[in-house]
Amino acid sequence: GQVDGQQFVYYDSKIRSYIPKTEWIRKIDADEPHYWDSETRIARVEEQSFKASVAKVMQRFNQTQGVHTVQEMYGCELDDDGTTRGYRQYGYDGEDFISLDLKTKTWTAAKPQAKVTKQRWESDVSYTDYWKNYLENTCIDWLKKYVSYGRETLERKVRPEALLFQMESSPEVVCHATGFYP
């Protein structure tokens, strides 16, 4: 998971466990004592689901072997003015596959092979309703909680260190800036 582009947790499929990546996320233990067990359980189920998804999508592309990936990206955004946005999308082998349009509660198939998934998900209204509610409400609640835990780190400002250099044979000047945040 990420907040403001910074990874704060991840699932390690080798040890089959959800792992903290920042110190600030460990504060969640006080409010949510079962957080790590719960997230680990969810991630294990998703791991199995992804394995099945890869096999299904490979069939749709008439692929019988090779290394292939299904990618899922979902999340929500909360602006300073209170405006929110949510998104849920999938990719296959690095290309868009299917995505959710929250306004219309429909799925957009980016590939012909995704039409079967689109039809299945749209025929199950409760599935799309679940994700709409999750992205517009539950996700925002979690985002607020995560930001409160990590506020000091997430809102810090670090000035860049800059190095200027010029090759003797060139009039071009290069500036290399590092260490800045955000």
N, C-alpha and C. Protein backbone atom coordinates (compact mmCIF):
# COMPACT_ATOMS: atom_id res chain seq x y z
N GLY A 1 0.82 -1.18 0.00
CA GLY A 1 0.00 0.00 0.00
C GLY A 1 0.87 1.25 0.00
N GLN A 2 0.32 2.31 -0.55
CA GLN A 2 1.03 3.58 -0.62
C GLN A 2 0.16 4.72 -0.13
N VAL A 3 0.79 5.71 0.46
CA VAL A 3 0.16 6.98 0.79
C VAL A 3 1.08 8.06 0.23
N ASP A 4 0.52 8.95 -0.56
CA ASP A 4 1.30 10.02 -1.20
C ASP A 4 2.52 9.47 -1.92
N GLY A 5 2.36 8.34 -2.58
CA GLY A 5 3.44 7.75 -3.36
C GLY A 5 4.49 7.02 -2.56
N GLN A 6 4.34 6.96 -1.25
CA GLN A 6 5.31 6.26 -0.39
C GLN A 6 4.74 4.92 0.05
N GLN A 7 5.48 3.86 -0.22
CA GLN A 7 5.04 2.54 0.21
C GLN A 7 5.16 2.44 1.73
N PHE A 8 4.07 2.00 2.38
CA PHE A 8 4.11 1.86 3.83
C PHE A 8 3.88 0.43 4.28
N VAL A 9 3.32 -0.42 3.41
CA VAL A 9 3.13 -1.84 3.70
C VAL A 9 3.28 -2.62 2.40
N TYR A 10 3.55 -3.91 2.53
CA TYR A 10 3.55 -4.78 1.36
C TYR A 10 3.28 -6.21 1.81
N TYR A 11 2.90 -7.04 0.85
CA TYR A 11 2.67 -8.46 1.13
C TYR A 11 3.85 -9.23 0.57
N ASP A 12 4.49 -10.02 1.42
CA ASP A 12 5.62 -10.85 1.01
C ASP A 12 5.09 -12.26 0.74
N SER A 13 5.05 -12.65 -0.53
CA SER A 13 4.47 -13.94 -0.89
C SER A 13 5.37 -15.11 -0.49
N LYS A 14 6.63 -14.85 -0.23
CA LYS A 14 7.52 -15.94 0.20
C LYS A 14 7.19 -16.37 1.63
N ILE A 15 6.97 -15.40 2.50
CA ILE A 15 6.64 -15.75 3.89
C ILE A 15 5.13 -15.63 4.15
N ARG A 16 4.40 -15.22 3.09
CA ARG A 16 2.93 -15.12 3.12
C ARG A 16 2.45 -14.25 4.28
N SER A 17 3.02 -13.04 4.35
CA SER A 17 2.68 -12.14 5.45
C SER A 17 2.69 -10.68 4.98
N TYR A 18 1.84 -9.88 5.60
CA TYR A 18 1.78 -8.44 5.37
C TYR A 18 2.87 -7.80 6.22
N ILE A 19 3.67 -6.93 5.63
CA ILE A 19 4.87 -6.39 6.29
C ILE A 19 4.84 -4.86 6.31
N PRO A 20 5.13 -4.23 7.47
CA PRO A 20 5.23 -2.76 7.52
C PRO A 20 6.53 -2.29 6.86
N LYS A 21 6.46 -1.17 6.15
CA LYS A 21 7.65 -0.59 5.51
C LYS A 21 8.07 0.72 6.16
N THR A 22 7.22 1.27 7.03
CA THR A 22 7.55 2.52 7.71
C THR A 22 7.31 2.33 9.21
N GLU A 23 7.96 3.17 9.97
CA GLU A 23 7.73 3.12 11.42
C GLU A 23 6.34 3.62 11.77
N TRP A 24 5.87 4.65 11.06
CA TRP A 24 4.61 5.26 11.44
C TRP A 24 3.41 4.31 11.33
N ILE A 25 3.45 3.34 10.42
CA ILE A 25 2.30 2.45 10.28
C ILE A 25 2.17 1.53 11.50
N ARG A 26 3.24 1.36 12.23
CA ARG A 26 3.18 0.50 13.42
C ARG A 26 2.27 1.09 14.51
N LYS A 27 1.97 2.39 14.40
CA LYS A 27 1.05 3.03 15.35
C LYS A 27 -0.35 2.44 15.27
N ILE A 28 -0.65 1.78 14.16
CA ILE A 28 -1.98 1.21 13.97
C ILE A 28 -2.30 0.12 14.98
N ASP A 29 -1.26 -0.51 15.52
CA ASP A 29 -1.46 -1.61 16.48
C ASP A 29 -2.34 -1.19 17.66
N ALA A 30 -2.21 0.05 18.11
CA ALA A 30 -2.98 0.52 19.27
C ALA A 30 -4.48 0.60 18.95
N ASP A 31 -4.81 1.04 17.73
CA ASP A 31 -6.22 1.22 17.34
C ASP A 31 -6.82 -0.02 16.69
N GLU A 32 -6.01 -0.76 15.97
CA GLU A 32 -6.48 -1.92 15.20
C GLU A 32 -5.59 -3.12 15.54
N PRO A 33 -5.80 -3.75 16.69
CA PRO A 33 -4.90 -4.83 17.12
C PRO A 33 -4.85 -6.04 16.18
N HIS A 34 -5.88 -6.22 15.37
CA HIS A 34 -5.90 -7.38 14.45
C HIS A 34 -5.55 -6.99 13.02
N TYR A 35 -5.06 -5.77 12.82
CA TYR A 35 -4.78 -5.26 11.48
C TYR A 35 -3.87 -6.18 10.68
N TRP A 36 -2.74 -6.57 11.25
CA TRP A 36 -1.75 -7.36 10.50
C TRP A 36 -2.28 -8.74 10.15
N ASP A 37 -2.97 -9.38 11.10
CA ASP A 37 -3.56 -10.69 10.81
C ASP A 37 -4.64 -10.59 9.75
N SER A 38 -5.48 -9.58 9.87
CA SER A 38 -6.57 -9.40 8.91
C SER A 38 -6.05 -9.11 7.51
N GLU A 39 -5.10 -8.18 7.40
CA GLU A 39 -4.55 -7.84 6.09
C GLU A 39 -3.78 -9.02 5.49
N THR A 40 -3.11 -9.79 6.32
CA THR A 40 -2.40 -10.98 5.84
C THR A 40 -3.40 -11.99 5.28
N ARG A 41 -4.51 -12.21 5.99
CA ARG A 41 -5.54 -13.14 5.50
C ARG A 41 -6.08 -12.69 4.15
N ILE A 42 -6.40 -11.42 4.03
CA ILE A 42 -6.93 -10.87 2.77
C ILE A 42 -5.91 -11.05 1.65
N ALA A 43 -4.66 -10.74 1.92
CA ALA A 43 -3.61 -10.85 0.90
C ALA A 43 -3.40 -12.29 0.45
N ARG A 44 -3.51 -13.23 1.37
CA ARG A 44 -3.36 -14.64 1.00
C ARG A 44 -4.48 -15.09 0.06
N VAL A 45 -5.69 -14.64 0.34
CA VAL A 45 -6.82 -14.96 -0.54
C VAL A 45 -6.60 -14.33 -1.92
N GLU A 46 -6.17 -13.07 -1.93
CA GLU A 46 -5.91 -12.39 -3.20
C GLU A 46 -4.78 -13.06 -3.97
N GLU A 47 -3.78 -13.56 -3.28
CA GLU A 47 -2.69 -14.27 -3.94
C GLU A 47 -3.23 -15.46 -4.73
N GLN A 48 -4.09 -16.24 -4.11
CA GLN A 48 -4.68 -17.40 -4.79
C GLN A 48 -5.58 -16.95 -5.94
N SER A 49 -6.32 -15.89 -5.73
CA SER A 49 -7.19 -15.35 -6.76
C SER A 49 -6.39 -14.90 -7.98
N PHE A 50 -5.25 -14.27 -7.73
CA PHE A 50 -4.41 -13.80 -8.82
C PHE A 50 -3.84 -14.96 -9.63
N LYS A 51 -3.46 -16.02 -8.96
CA LYS A 51 -2.95 -17.19 -9.67
C LYS A 51 -4.02 -17.74 -10.61
N ALA A 52 -5.26 -17.82 -10.12
CA ALA A 52 -6.37 -18.29 -10.96
C ALA A 52 -6.64 -17.31 -12.10
N SER A 53 -6.55 -16.00 -11.82
CA SER A 53 -6.79 -14.99 -12.84
C SER A 53 -5.78 -15.07 -13.97
N VAL A 54 -4.52 -15.27 -13.62
CA VAL A 54 -3.49 -15.39 -14.65
C VAL A 54 -3.82 -16.56 -15.57
N ALA A 55 -4.19 -17.69 -14.99
CA ALA A 55 -4.52 -18.87 -15.80
C ALA A 55 -5.71 -18.59 -16.72
N LYS A 56 -6.76 -17.94 -16.20
CA LYS A 56 -7.94 -17.63 -17.01
C LYS A 56 -7.60 -16.69 -18.16
N VAL A 57 -6.86 -15.64 -17.85
CA VAL A 57 -6.55 -14.64 -18.88
C VAL A 57 -5.59 -15.23 -19.92
N MET A 58 -4.68 -16.07 -19.48
CA MET A 58 -3.80 -16.75 -20.45
C MET A 58 -4.64 -17.53 -21.46
N GLN A 59 -5.65 -18.22 -20.98
CA GLN A 59 -6.54 -18.97 -21.89
C GLN A 59 -7.21 -18.03 -22.89
N ARG A 60 -7.67 -16.90 -22.41
CA ARG A 60 -8.35 -15.95 -23.30
C ARG A 60 -7.42 -15.40 -24.39
N PHE A 61 -6.14 -15.33 -24.08
CA PHE A 61 -5.16 -14.87 -25.07
C PHE A 61 -4.52 -16.04 -25.82
N ASN A 62 -5.07 -17.24 -25.62
CA ASN A 62 -4.54 -18.47 -26.24
C ASN A 62 -3.07 -18.68 -25.92
N GLN A 63 -2.70 -18.43 -24.69
CA GLN A 63 -1.32 -18.63 -24.24
C GLN A 63 -1.28 -19.87 -23.35
N THR A 64 -0.31 -20.72 -23.60
CA THR A 64 -0.20 -21.96 -22.82
C THR A 64 1.03 -21.99 -21.93
N GLN A 65 1.95 -21.07 -22.16
CA GLN A 65 3.16 -21.06 -21.35
C GLN A 65 3.74 -19.66 -21.28
N GLY A 66 4.84 -19.53 -20.57
CA GLY A 66 5.50 -18.25 -20.43
C GLY A 66 5.16 -17.59 -19.10
N VAL A 67 5.87 -16.52 -18.82
CA VAL A 67 5.64 -15.75 -17.60
C VAL A 67 4.69 -14.61 -17.94
N HIS A 68 3.60 -14.53 -17.20
CA HIS A 68 2.60 -13.49 -17.45
C HIS A 68 2.19 -12.86 -16.12
N THR A 69 1.73 -11.62 -16.19
CA THR A 69 1.35 -10.92 -14.97
C THR A 69 -0.04 -10.31 -15.08
N VAL A 70 -0.79 -10.41 -13.99
CA VAL A 70 -2.03 -9.66 -13.82
C VAL A 70 -1.71 -8.61 -12.76
N GLN A 71 -2.00 -7.36 -13.07
CA GLN A 71 -1.73 -6.28 -12.13
C GLN A 71 -3.05 -5.65 -11.71
N GLU A 72 -3.16 -5.35 -10.44
CA GLU A 72 -4.35 -4.69 -9.91
C GLU A 72 -3.91 -3.40 -9.24
N MET A 73 -4.64 -2.34 -9.51
CA MET A 73 -4.36 -1.08 -8.83
C MET A 73 -5.70 -0.47 -8.43
N TYR A 74 -5.83 -0.20 -7.15
CA TYR A 74 -7.04 0.49 -6.70
C TYR A 74 -6.66 1.41 -5.57
N GLY A 75 -7.48 2.42 -5.39
CA GLY A 75 -7.20 3.35 -4.32
C GLY A 75 -8.14 4.53 -4.36
N CYS A 76 -7.83 5.49 -3.51
CA CYS A 76 -8.67 6.67 -3.41
C CYS A 76 -7.78 7.88 -3.15
N GLU A 77 -8.34 9.03 -3.47
CA GLU A 77 -7.63 10.29 -3.28
C GLU A 77 -8.55 11.25 -2.52
N LEU A 78 -7.95 12.03 -1.66
CA LEU A 78 -8.68 13.03 -0.88
C LEU A 78 -7.93 14.35 -1.01
N ASP A 79 -8.58 15.33 -1.66
CA ASP A 79 -7.96 16.64 -1.84
C ASP A 79 -8.18 17.51 -0.60
N ASP A 80 -7.40 18.58 -0.51
CA ASP A 80 -7.52 19.50 0.62
C ASP A 80 -8.92 20.09 0.75
N ASP A 81 -9.62 20.24 -0.39
CA ASP A 81 -10.98 20.81 -0.35
C ASP A 81 -12.06 19.77 -0.06
N GLY A 82 -11.65 18.53 0.22
CA GLY A 82 -12.61 17.47 0.55
C GLY A 82 -13.08 16.64 -0.63
N THR A 83 -12.67 17.03 -1.83
CA THR A 83 -13.03 16.27 -3.03
C THR A 83 -12.37 14.89 -2.97
N THR A 84 -13.13 13.87 -3.34
CA THR A 84 -12.58 12.51 -3.33
C THR A 84 -12.68 11.89 -4.72
N ARG A 85 -11.80 10.93 -4.97
CA ARG A 85 -11.81 10.15 -6.20
C ARG A 85 -11.40 8.73 -5.84
N GLY A 86 -11.95 7.78 -6.57
CA GLY A 86 -11.55 6.39 -6.38
C GLY A 86 -11.28 5.76 -7.73
N TYR A 87 -10.49 4.71 -7.73
CA TYR A 87 -10.18 4.01 -8.99
C TYR A 87 -9.90 2.54 -8.69
N ARG A 88 -10.21 1.71 -9.68
CA ARG A 88 -9.91 0.28 -9.62
C ARG A 88 -9.67 -0.16 -11.05
N GLN A 89 -8.49 -0.70 -11.31
CA GLN A 89 -8.15 -1.11 -12.67
C GLN A 89 -7.20 -2.30 -12.65
N TYR A 90 -7.24 -3.02 -13.74
CA TYR A 90 -6.39 -4.20 -13.90
C TYR A 90 -5.60 -4.09 -15.19
N GLY A 91 -4.42 -4.69 -15.16
CA GLY A 91 -3.60 -4.79 -16.35
C GLY A 91 -3.19 -6.24 -16.56
N TYR A 92 -2.82 -6.55 -17.79
CA TYR A 92 -2.30 -7.88 -18.09
C TYR A 92 -1.05 -7.71 -18.94
N ASP A 93 0.03 -8.30 -18.49
CA ASP A 93 1.32 -8.18 -19.17
C ASP A 93 1.67 -6.74 -19.51
N GLY A 94 1.42 -5.85 -18.54
CA GLY A 94 1.83 -4.45 -18.67
C GLY A 94 0.90 -3.57 -19.47
N GLU A 95 -0.25 -4.10 -19.91
CA GLU A 95 -1.20 -3.29 -20.68
C GLU A 95 -2.54 -3.25 -19.96
N ASP A 96 -3.28 -2.14 -20.16
CA ASP A 96 -4.60 -2.02 -19.55
C ASP A 96 -5.47 -3.20 -19.96
N PHE A 97 -6.28 -3.68 -19.01
CA PHE A 97 -7.16 -4.82 -19.28
C PHE A 97 -8.62 -4.44 -19.02
N ILE A 98 -8.92 -4.00 -17.79
CA ILE A 98 -10.29 -3.60 -17.45
C ILE A 98 -10.24 -2.59 -16.30
N SER A 99 -11.21 -1.66 -16.28
CA SER A 99 -11.24 -0.66 -15.21
C SER A 99 -12.69 -0.32 -14.86
N LEU A 100 -12.87 0.18 -13.66
CA LEU A 100 -14.19 0.54 -13.16
C LEU A 100 -14.43 2.03 -13.34
N ASP A 101 -15.58 2.38 -13.91
CA ASP A 101 -16.02 3.77 -14.00
C ASP A 101 -17.01 3.97 -12.85
N LEU A 102 -16.59 4.66 -11.81
CA LEU A 102 -17.42 4.83 -10.62
C LEU A 102 -18.69 5.64 -10.88
N LYS A 103 -18.61 6.61 -11.79
CA LYS A 103 -19.79 7.45 -12.05
C LYS A 103 -20.93 6.63 -12.65
N THR A 104 -20.60 5.77 -13.61
CA THR A 104 -21.64 4.99 -14.29
C THR A 104 -21.81 3.59 -13.70
N LYS A 105 -20.92 3.21 -12.79
CA LYS A 105 -20.90 1.87 -12.20
C LYS A 105 -20.83 0.79 -13.30
N THR A 106 -19.97 1.07 -14.28
CA THR A 106 -19.74 0.10 -15.35
C THR A 106 -18.25 -0.19 -15.46
N TRP A 107 -17.94 -1.30 -16.09
CA TRP A 107 -16.56 -1.72 -16.29
C TRP A 107 -16.19 -1.48 -17.75
N THR A 108 -14.99 -0.95 -17.97
CA THR A 108 -14.51 -0.67 -19.31
C THR A 108 -13.47 -1.71 -19.68
N ALA A 109 -13.78 -2.50 -20.71
CA ALA A 109 -12.85 -3.53 -21.18
C ALA A 109 -11.89 -2.89 -22.17
N ALA A 110 -10.61 -2.86 -21.82
CA ALA A 110 -9.60 -2.26 -22.70
C ALA A 110 -9.15 -3.24 -23.78
N LYS A 111 -9.43 -4.51 -23.59
CA LYS A 111 -9.07 -5.57 -24.54
C LYS A 111 -10.30 -6.42 -24.80
N PRO A 112 -10.44 -6.98 -25.99
CA PRO A 112 -11.57 -7.87 -26.27
C PRO A 112 -11.63 -9.05 -25.28
N GLN A 113 -10.47 -9.50 -24.82
CA GLN A 113 -10.41 -10.63 -23.89
C GLN A 113 -10.99 -10.27 -22.51
N ALA A 114 -11.19 -9.00 -22.25
CA ALA A 114 -11.75 -8.57 -20.96
C ALA A 114 -13.27 -8.47 -20.98
N LYS A 115 -13.88 -8.65 -22.14
CA LYS A 115 -15.34 -8.52 -22.24
C LYS A 115 -16.08 -9.54 -21.39
N VAL A 116 -15.54 -10.75 -21.28
CA VAL A 116 -16.17 -11.78 -20.45
C VAL A 116 -16.19 -11.32 -18.99
N THR A 117 -15.08 -10.77 -18.54
CA THR A 117 -14.99 -10.26 -17.16
C THR A 117 -15.96 -9.10 -16.97
N LYS A 118 -16.01 -8.19 -17.93
CA LYS A 118 -16.93 -7.05 -17.87
C LYS A 118 -18.37 -7.54 -17.71
N GLN A 119 -18.77 -8.50 -18.52
CA GLN A 119 -20.15 -9.01 -18.46
C GLN A 119 -20.43 -9.67 -17.10
N ARG A 120 -19.47 -10.46 -16.62
CA ARG A 120 -19.65 -11.15 -15.34
C ARG A 120 -19.78 -10.15 -14.20
N TRP A 121 -18.87 -9.16 -14.15
CA TRP A 121 -18.90 -8.20 -13.06
C TRP A 121 -20.12 -7.28 -13.13
N GLU A 122 -20.53 -6.89 -14.34
CA GLU A 122 -21.70 -6.02 -14.46
C GLU A 122 -23.00 -6.77 -14.17
N SER A 123 -23.00 -8.08 -14.37
CA SER A 123 -24.21 -8.85 -14.06
C SER A 123 -24.37 -9.06 -12.55
N ASP A 124 -23.26 -8.90 -11.82
CA ASP A 124 -23.30 -9.02 -10.36
C ASP A 124 -23.27 -7.60 -9.78
N VAL A 125 -24.45 -7.00 -9.70
CA VAL A 125 -24.56 -5.60 -9.26
C VAL A 125 -23.94 -5.40 -7.88
N SER A 126 -24.06 -6.38 -7.01
CA SER A 126 -23.53 -6.23 -5.65
C SER A 126 -22.01 -6.11 -5.66
N TYR A 127 -21.34 -6.74 -6.63
CA TYR A 127 -19.88 -6.66 -6.73
C TYR A 127 -19.45 -5.22 -7.03
N THR A 128 -20.07 -4.63 -8.04
CA THR A 128 -19.74 -3.25 -8.41
C THR A 128 -20.15 -2.28 -7.31
N ASP A 129 -21.32 -2.51 -6.70
CA ASP A 129 -21.76 -1.66 -5.59
C ASP A 129 -20.78 -1.72 -4.41
N TYR A 130 -20.28 -2.92 -4.13
CA TYR A 130 -19.30 -3.08 -3.06
C TYR A 130 -18.08 -2.20 -3.33
N TRP A 131 -17.55 -2.28 -4.56
CA TRP A 131 -16.34 -1.51 -4.87
C TRP A 131 -16.60 -0.01 -4.90
N LYS A 132 -17.76 0.39 -5.36
CA LYS A 132 -18.10 1.82 -5.34
C LYS A 132 -18.12 2.32 -3.89
N ASN A 133 -18.79 1.60 -3.01
CA ASN A 133 -18.84 1.98 -1.60
C ASN A 133 -17.44 1.94 -0.97
N TYR A 134 -16.69 0.90 -1.26
CA TYR A 134 -15.34 0.78 -0.69
C TYR A 134 -14.49 1.98 -1.11
N LEU A 135 -14.45 2.29 -2.40
CA LEU A 135 -13.57 3.34 -2.91
C LEU A 135 -14.02 4.74 -2.49
N GLU A 136 -15.32 4.95 -2.35
CA GLU A 136 -15.81 6.28 -2.00
C GLU A 136 -15.94 6.51 -0.50
N ASN A 137 -15.96 5.45 0.29
CA ASN A 137 -16.16 5.61 1.73
C ASN A 137 -15.08 4.91 2.57
N THR A 138 -15.06 3.59 2.53
CA THR A 138 -14.12 2.83 3.36
C THR A 138 -12.68 3.23 3.08
N CYS A 139 -12.33 3.31 1.81
CA CYS A 139 -10.96 3.68 1.43
C CYS A 139 -10.59 5.07 1.96
N ILE A 140 -11.52 6.00 1.86
CA ILE A 140 -11.26 7.37 2.35
C ILE A 140 -11.06 7.35 3.86
N ASP A 141 -11.87 6.57 4.57
CA ASP A 141 -11.70 6.46 6.03
C ASP A 141 -10.32 5.92 6.38
N TRP A 142 -9.89 4.87 5.67
CA TRP A 142 -8.55 4.30 5.92
C TRP A 142 -7.47 5.31 5.55
N LEU A 143 -7.65 6.02 4.44
CA LEU A 143 -6.66 7.01 4.02
C LEU A 143 -6.48 8.08 5.11
N LYS A 144 -7.58 8.57 5.65
CA LYS A 144 -7.50 9.57 6.73
C LYS A 144 -6.74 9.01 7.93
N LYS A 145 -7.01 7.76 8.25
CA LYS A 145 -6.34 7.12 9.38
C LYS A 145 -4.84 7.00 9.11
N TYR A 146 -4.49 6.53 7.91
CA TYR A 146 -3.07 6.39 7.56
C TYR A 146 -2.36 7.74 7.58
N VAL A 147 -3.00 8.77 7.05
CA VAL A 147 -2.39 10.10 7.04
C VAL A 147 -2.19 10.60 8.47
N SER A 148 -3.14 10.32 9.36
CA SER A 148 -2.98 10.76 10.75
C SER A 148 -1.79 10.07 11.41
N TYR A 149 -1.57 8.80 11.11
CA TYR A 149 -0.42 8.08 11.67
C TYR A 149 0.90 8.62 11.10
N GLY A 150 0.90 8.92 9.81
CA GLY A 150 2.15 9.28 9.15
C GLY A 150 2.34 10.75 8.89
N ARG A 151 1.46 11.59 9.45
CA ARG A 151 1.47 13.02 9.13
C ARG A 151 2.85 13.66 9.22
N GLU A 152 3.55 13.41 10.31
CA GLU A 152 4.86 14.04 10.53
C GLU A 152 5.83 13.69 9.40
N THR A 153 5.83 12.44 8.98
CA THR A 153 6.71 11.99 7.90
C THR A 153 6.20 12.46 6.55
N LEU A 154 4.91 12.30 6.31
CA LEU A 154 4.33 12.62 5.01
C LEU A 154 4.35 14.11 4.69
N GLU A 155 4.27 14.96 5.72
CA GLU A 155 4.21 16.40 5.49
C GLU A 155 5.57 17.09 5.66
N ARG A 156 6.61 16.32 5.87
CA ARG A 156 7.93 16.93 6.04
C ARG A 156 8.38 17.56 4.72
N LYS A 157 9.26 18.52 4.83
CA LYS A 157 9.82 19.16 3.64
C LYS A 157 11.34 19.12 3.77
N VAL A 158 11.98 18.58 2.76
CA VAL A 158 13.44 18.48 2.76
C VAL A 158 13.95 19.23 1.54
N ARG A 159 14.84 20.18 1.78
CA ARG A 159 15.42 20.96 0.68
C ARG A 159 16.37 20.09 -0.12
N PRO A 160 16.44 20.32 -1.42
CA PRO A 160 17.35 19.51 -2.24
C PRO A 160 18.81 19.91 -2.06
N GLU A 161 19.66 18.96 -2.32
CA GLU A 161 21.09 19.24 -2.44
C GLU A 161 21.35 19.29 -3.94
N ALA A 162 22.02 20.34 -4.39
CA ALA A 162 22.24 20.52 -5.82
C ALA A 162 23.73 20.53 -6.13
N LEU A 163 24.04 19.95 -7.26
CA LEU A 163 25.41 19.91 -7.75
C LEU A 163 25.38 20.39 -9.19
N LEU A 164 26.14 21.45 -9.47
CA LEU A 164 26.25 21.96 -10.84
C LEU A 164 27.58 21.53 -11.42
N PHE A 165 27.53 21.11 -12.68
CA PHE A 165 28.81 20.82 -13.33
C PHE A 165 28.70 21.09 -14.82
N GLN A 166 29.89 21.33 -15.40
CA GLN A 166 29.97 21.67 -16.82
C GLN A 166 31.20 20.98 -17.39
N MET A 167 31.01 20.33 -18.52
CA MET A 167 32.14 19.70 -19.21
C MET A 167 32.97 20.82 -19.85
N GLU A 168 34.28 20.68 -19.83
CA GLU A 168 35.14 21.72 -20.41
C GLU A 168 34.82 21.99 -21.87
N SER A 169 34.44 20.94 -22.58
CA SER A 169 34.23 21.07 -24.03
C SER A 169 32.80 21.48 -24.39
N SER A 170 31.95 21.75 -23.39
CA SER A 170 30.55 22.04 -23.70
C SER A 170 30.08 23.28 -22.95
N PRO A 171 29.23 24.10 -23.60
CA PRO A 171 28.67 25.26 -22.90
C PRO A 171 27.50 24.85 -21.99
N GLU A 172 27.07 23.61 -22.08
CA GLU A 172 25.93 23.11 -21.31
C GLU A 172 26.29 22.94 -19.84
N VAL A 173 25.39 23.42 -18.97
CA VAL A 173 25.54 23.26 -17.53
C VAL A 173 24.49 22.25 -17.06
N VAL A 174 24.91 21.30 -16.24
CA VAL A 174 23.99 20.28 -15.73
C VAL A 174 23.80 20.49 -14.24
N CYS A 175 22.55 20.44 -13.81
CA CYS A 175 22.23 20.54 -12.39
C CYS A 175 21.67 19.20 -11.94
N HIS A 176 22.26 18.63 -10.92
CA HIS A 176 21.82 17.34 -10.37
C HIS A 176 21.30 17.60 -8.97
N ALA A 177 19.97 17.46 -8.78
CA ALA A 177 19.35 17.72 -7.47
C ALA A 177 18.91 16.40 -6.85
N THR A 178 19.26 16.20 -5.58
CA THR A 178 18.88 14.96 -4.88
C THR A 178 18.44 15.27 -3.46
N GLY A 179 17.84 14.28 -2.84
CA GLY A 179 17.53 14.36 -1.41
C GLY A 179 16.31 15.17 -1.04
N PHE A 180 15.58 15.70 -2.02
CA PHE A 180 14.45 16.55 -1.69
C PHE A 180 13.18 15.73 -1.45
N TYR A 181 12.26 16.33 -0.69
CA TYR A 181 10.95 15.72 -0.45
C TYR A 181 9.97 16.83 -0.15
N PRO A 182 8.80 16.87 -0.65
CA PRO A 182 8.25 15.87 -1.56
C PRO A 182 8.75 16.04 -2.97
